[in-house]
Amino acid sequence: MMSTIQISKETKSLISTFGTKEDTYEDIIKRLYKLAVKEQLREFLMSSENTVSIDEAREMINNGKD
């Protein structure tokens, strides 16, 4: 089922810069989505929140903590 979305001419122009003449807007948007998902995963994996260093993990293991 197809859907129509409204975007400004500026946004349409920006989106089109990510594609070639053969690409549809759907192709471009899907490609951008995949890139965004990869970036979110990279940021999550590289985040220092809720992480411990290797030395801290070893100390926790040696002290019997999970």
N, C-alpha and C. Protein backbone atom coordinates (compact mmCIF):
# COMPACT_ATOMS: atom_id res chain seq x y z
N MET A 1 0.85 -1.17 0.00
CA MET A 1 0.00 0.00 0.00
C MET A 1 0.90 1.24 0.00
N MET A 2 0.67 2.10 -0.91
CA MET A 2 1.46 3.32 -1.03
C MET A 2 0.86 4.41 -0.15
N SER A 3 1.72 5.33 0.26
CA SER A 3 1.31 6.45 1.09
C SER A 3 1.97 7.71 0.56
N THR A 4 1.35 8.82 0.80
CA THR A 4 1.90 10.10 0.38
C THR A 4 2.29 10.89 1.61
N ILE A 5 3.47 11.48 1.59
CA ILE A 5 3.89 12.35 2.68
C ILE A 5 4.18 13.72 2.11
N GLN A 6 3.97 14.73 2.91
CA GLN A 6 4.27 16.09 2.47
C GLN A 6 5.61 16.52 3.05
N ILE A 7 6.48 16.98 2.17
CA ILE A 7 7.76 17.54 2.59
C ILE A 7 7.99 18.81 1.80
N SER A 8 8.82 19.66 2.35
CA SER A 8 9.11 20.92 1.65
C SER A 8 9.98 20.64 0.43
N LYS A 9 10.00 21.59 -0.47
CA LYS A 9 10.86 21.47 -1.66
C LYS A 9 12.32 21.39 -1.24
N GLU A 10 12.67 22.12 -0.19
CA GLU A 10 14.05 22.08 0.31
C GLU A 10 14.42 20.67 0.77
N THR A 11 13.53 20.04 1.55
CA THR A 11 13.80 18.69 2.05
C THR A 11 13.86 17.70 0.89
N LYS A 12 12.97 17.84 -0.07
CA LYS A 12 12.99 16.97 -1.25
C LYS A 12 14.32 17.11 -1.98
N SER A 13 14.79 18.32 -2.10
CA SER A 13 16.07 18.57 -2.77
C SER A 13 17.22 17.94 -1.99
N LEU A 14 17.20 18.08 -0.66
CA LEU A 14 18.25 17.48 0.17
C LEU A 14 18.25 15.96 0.05
N ILE A 15 17.07 15.36 0.08
CA ILE A 15 16.97 13.91 -0.03
C ILE A 15 17.51 13.44 -1.37
N SER A 16 17.21 14.17 -2.41
CA SER A 16 17.63 13.75 -3.75
C SER A 16 19.14 13.76 -3.92
N THR A 17 19.86 14.51 -3.08
CA THR A 17 21.32 14.55 -3.20
C THR A 17 21.96 13.24 -2.76
N PHE A 18 21.20 12.38 -2.09
CA PHE A 18 21.71 11.09 -1.63
C PHE A 18 21.49 9.97 -2.64
N GLY A 19 20.91 10.30 -3.78
CA GLY A 19 20.62 9.26 -4.75
C GLY A 19 21.17 9.55 -6.12
N THR A 20 20.93 8.61 -7.00
CA THR A 20 21.29 8.77 -8.41
C THR A 20 20.01 8.92 -9.20
N LYS A 21 20.15 9.13 -10.49
CA LYS A 21 18.96 9.29 -11.34
C LYS A 21 18.11 8.03 -11.35
N GLU A 22 18.74 6.89 -11.11
CA GLU A 22 18.00 5.62 -11.12
C GLU A 22 17.26 5.36 -9.82
N ASP A 23 17.64 6.04 -8.75
CA ASP A 23 17.03 5.81 -7.43
C ASP A 23 15.68 6.50 -7.32
N THR A 24 14.73 5.78 -6.71
CA THR A 24 13.47 6.42 -6.35
C THR A 24 13.64 7.06 -4.98
N TYR A 25 12.69 7.91 -4.60
CA TYR A 25 12.76 8.50 -3.26
C TYR A 25 12.66 7.41 -2.20
N GLU A 26 11.89 6.38 -2.49
CA GLU A 26 11.79 5.27 -1.54
C GLU A 26 13.15 4.59 -1.35
N ASP A 27 13.88 4.37 -2.45
CA ASP A 27 15.22 3.79 -2.36
C ASP A 27 16.12 4.64 -1.47
N ILE A 28 16.08 5.94 -1.70
CA ILE A 28 16.95 6.86 -0.95
C ILE A 28 16.58 6.86 0.52
N ILE A 29 15.28 6.94 0.81
CA ILE A 29 14.84 6.99 2.21
C ILE A 29 15.19 5.69 2.92
N LYS A 30 15.04 4.55 2.26
CA LYS A 30 15.42 3.27 2.88
C LYS A 30 16.92 3.23 3.16
N ARG A 31 17.72 3.74 2.23
CA ARG A 31 19.17 3.77 2.43
C ARG A 31 19.52 4.67 3.61
N LEU A 32 18.88 5.83 3.69
CA LEU A 32 19.13 6.74 4.81
C LEU A 32 18.71 6.11 6.14
N TYR A 33 17.60 5.39 6.12
CA TYR A 33 17.13 4.71 7.33
C TYR A 33 18.15 3.68 7.80
N LYS A 34 18.66 2.87 6.87
CA LYS A 34 19.66 1.86 7.23
C LYS A 34 20.92 2.50 7.81
N LEU A 35 21.33 3.62 7.23
CA LEU A 35 22.49 4.33 7.76
C LEU A 35 22.21 4.86 9.17
N ALA A 36 21.00 5.38 9.38
CA ALA A 36 20.65 5.91 10.69
C ALA A 36 20.63 4.80 11.74
N VAL A 37 20.10 3.64 11.39
CA VAL A 37 20.07 2.50 12.32
C VAL A 37 21.49 2.08 12.69
N LYS A 38 22.37 2.00 11.69
CA LYS A 38 23.76 1.64 11.96
C LYS A 38 24.43 2.66 12.87
N GLU A 39 24.15 3.94 12.65
CA GLU A 39 24.74 4.99 13.47
C GLU A 39 24.23 4.90 14.90
N GLN A 40 22.93 4.65 15.08
CA GLN A 40 22.38 4.50 16.43
C GLN A 40 23.04 3.32 17.14
N LEU A 41 23.22 2.21 16.44
CA LEU A 41 23.86 1.04 17.04
C LEU A 41 25.30 1.36 17.41
N ARG A 42 26.01 2.03 16.52
CA ARG A 42 27.40 2.40 16.80
C ARG A 42 27.48 3.29 18.04
N GLU A 43 26.59 4.28 18.12
CA GLU A 43 26.58 5.17 19.29
C GLU A 43 26.28 4.40 20.56
N PHE A 44 25.34 3.46 20.48
CA PHE A 44 24.99 2.65 21.65
C PHE A 44 26.17 1.81 22.09
N LEU A 45 26.82 1.16 21.13
CA LEU A 45 27.94 0.28 21.47
C LEU A 45 29.16 1.04 21.96
N MET A 46 29.34 2.26 21.49
CA MET A 46 30.51 3.04 21.87
C MET A 46 30.26 3.91 23.10
N SER A 47 29.02 3.92 23.59
CA SER A 47 28.67 4.73 24.75
C SER A 47 29.38 4.21 25.99
N SER A 48 29.82 5.13 26.84
CA SER A 48 30.48 4.72 28.08
C SER A 48 29.47 4.52 29.21
N GLU A 49 28.20 4.81 28.94
CA GLU A 49 27.16 4.60 29.95
C GLU A 49 26.98 3.11 30.20
N ASN A 50 26.82 2.76 31.43
CA ASN A 50 26.56 1.37 31.83
C ASN A 50 27.63 0.39 31.34
N THR A 51 28.84 0.85 31.27
CA THR A 51 29.93 -0.04 30.89
C THR A 51 30.99 -0.03 31.99
N VAL A 52 31.77 -1.06 32.00
CA VAL A 52 32.89 -1.13 32.94
C VAL A 52 34.14 -1.46 32.14
N SER A 53 35.26 -1.04 32.65
CA SER A 53 36.52 -1.34 31.98
C SER A 53 36.84 -2.82 32.17
N ILE A 54 37.77 -3.30 31.40
CA ILE A 54 38.20 -4.70 31.53
C ILE A 54 38.75 -4.96 32.92
N ASP A 55 39.54 -4.01 33.43
CA ASP A 55 40.10 -4.17 34.77
C ASP A 55 39.00 -4.24 35.82
N GLU A 56 37.97 -3.39 35.68
CA GLU A 56 36.85 -3.42 36.63
C GLU A 56 36.11 -4.75 36.55
N ALA A 57 35.92 -5.26 35.34
CA ALA A 57 35.23 -6.53 35.16
C ALA A 57 36.02 -7.67 35.78
N ARG A 58 37.32 -7.65 35.60
CA ARG A 58 38.17 -8.69 36.20
C ARG A 58 38.09 -8.64 37.72
N GLU A 59 38.11 -7.43 38.26
CA GLU A 59 38.02 -7.26 39.71
C GLU A 59 36.68 -7.78 40.22
N MET A 60 35.61 -7.49 39.48
CA MET A 60 34.29 -7.97 39.88
C MET A 60 34.25 -9.50 39.87
N ILE A 61 34.86 -10.11 38.86
CA ILE A 61 34.90 -11.57 38.77
C ILE A 61 35.71 -12.15 39.93
N ASN A 62 36.85 -11.55 40.20
CA ASN A 62 37.71 -12.02 41.29
C ASN A 62 37.03 -11.87 42.65
N ASN A 63 36.17 -10.87 42.79
CA ASN A 63 35.46 -10.65 44.05
C ASN A 63 34.13 -11.39 44.10
N GLY A 64 33.81 -12.14 43.04
CA GLY A 64 32.58 -12.93 43.03
C GLY A 64 31.33 -12.14 42.75
N LYS A 65 31.45 -10.96 42.15
CA LYS A 65 30.27 -10.17 41.82
C LYS A 65 29.92 -10.37 40.36
N ASP A 66 28.62 -10.25 40.06
CA ASP A 66 28.15 -10.33 38.66
C ASP A 66 28.22 -8.99 38.01
